[in-house]
Every structure is written in structure tokens, then in C-alpha cells.
Amino acid sequence: MVSFAGAELVFVVEEVSEGGYVPRAVGDSIFTEADGLDALQDMVRDAVDCRSA
């Protein structure tokens, strides 16, 4: 979960067959892609930051 302007966002993370992961926020249009689990959290934070800007 990620804090978003006092709200809580829940992400569903899917592993894609081409390799990598696609996290999508439940109930919001925030999504991104990450090549590995190490980059996943950073990519989600970046997507949330872009959405709130």
C-alpha cells in the first residue's frame, strides 16, 4: 500500500509473460511497469508522485 495525499492506495501486481511486473492501483488509473521486484517499489512511488503532481 502507498499513502496518497492522506488516502491509502492498494495495488494489484501482475507478473507478465514477457517478463517483469505490472502494478495497478485498485479504483484509480495509476499503473506502471517494472522489470524486477527490486525496481517495483520505486516505479510505484514514481507513478503516484506523477499522479499527484
Protein backbone atom coordinates (compact mmCIF):
# COMPACT_ATOMS: atom_id res chain seq x y z
CA MET A 1 0.00 0.00 0.00
CA VAL A 2 1.09 3.55 -0.74
CA SER A 3 -0.03 6.75 1.01
CA PHE A 4 -1.55 9.24 -1.43
CA ALA A 5 -2.48 12.67 -0.01
CA GLY A 6 -3.79 11.12 3.18
CA ALA A 7 -5.56 8.31 1.33
CA GLU A 8 -4.49 4.71 1.03
CA LEU A 9 -3.92 3.07 -2.34
CA VAL A 10 -3.90 -0.66 -2.89
CA PHE A 11 -2.01 -2.05 -5.86
CA VAL A 12 -2.56 -5.37 -7.61
CA VAL A 13 0.71 -6.62 -9.08
CA GLU A 14 0.63 -8.98 -12.05
CA GLU A 15 3.63 -10.85 -13.41
CA VAL A 16 3.60 -10.58 -17.19
CA SER A 17 4.62 -13.38 -19.54
CA GLU A 18 7.12 -11.13 -21.36
CA GLY A 19 8.94 -10.67 -18.07
CA GLY A 20 8.51 -8.05 -15.40
CA TYR A 21 5.58 -6.80 -13.37
CA VAL A 22 2.60 -4.50 -13.89
CA PRO A 23 1.21 -2.89 -10.71
CA ARG A 24 -2.23 -1.25 -10.98
CA ALA A 25 -3.97 0.82 -8.32
CA VAL A 26 -7.38 -0.55 -7.35
CA GLY A 27 -10.05 2.09 -8.05
CA ASP A 28 -7.67 4.58 -9.68
CA SER A 29 -5.92 4.99 -13.02
CA ILE A 30 -2.40 4.64 -11.63
CA PHE A 31 -0.27 1.92 -13.20
CA THR A 32 3.33 1.34 -14.22
CA GLU A 33 5.77 -1.38 -15.26
CA ALA A 34 8.88 -2.76 -13.59
CA ASP A 35 11.47 -5.21 -14.88
CA GLY A 36 12.04 -6.81 -11.48
CA LEU A 37 10.95 -6.81 -7.88
CA ASP A 38 13.86 -4.56 -6.90
CA ALA A 39 12.52 -1.75 -9.11
CA LEU A 40 8.83 -2.34 -8.36
CA GLN A 41 8.52 -0.11 -5.28
CA ASP A 42 10.44 2.74 -6.90
CA MET A 43 8.26 2.59 -10.02
CA VAL A 44 5.06 2.64 -7.95
CA ARG A 45 6.28 5.63 -5.94
CA ASP A 46 7.19 7.44 -9.15
CA ALA A 47 3.75 6.75 -10.67
CA VAL A 48 1.99 8.02 -7.53
CA ASP A 49 4.22 11.13 -7.47
CA CYS A 50 3.38 11.84 -11.14
CA ARG A 51 -0.34 11.40 -10.46
CA SER A 52 -0.29 13.79 -7.51
CA ALA A 53 1.74 16.48 -9.30
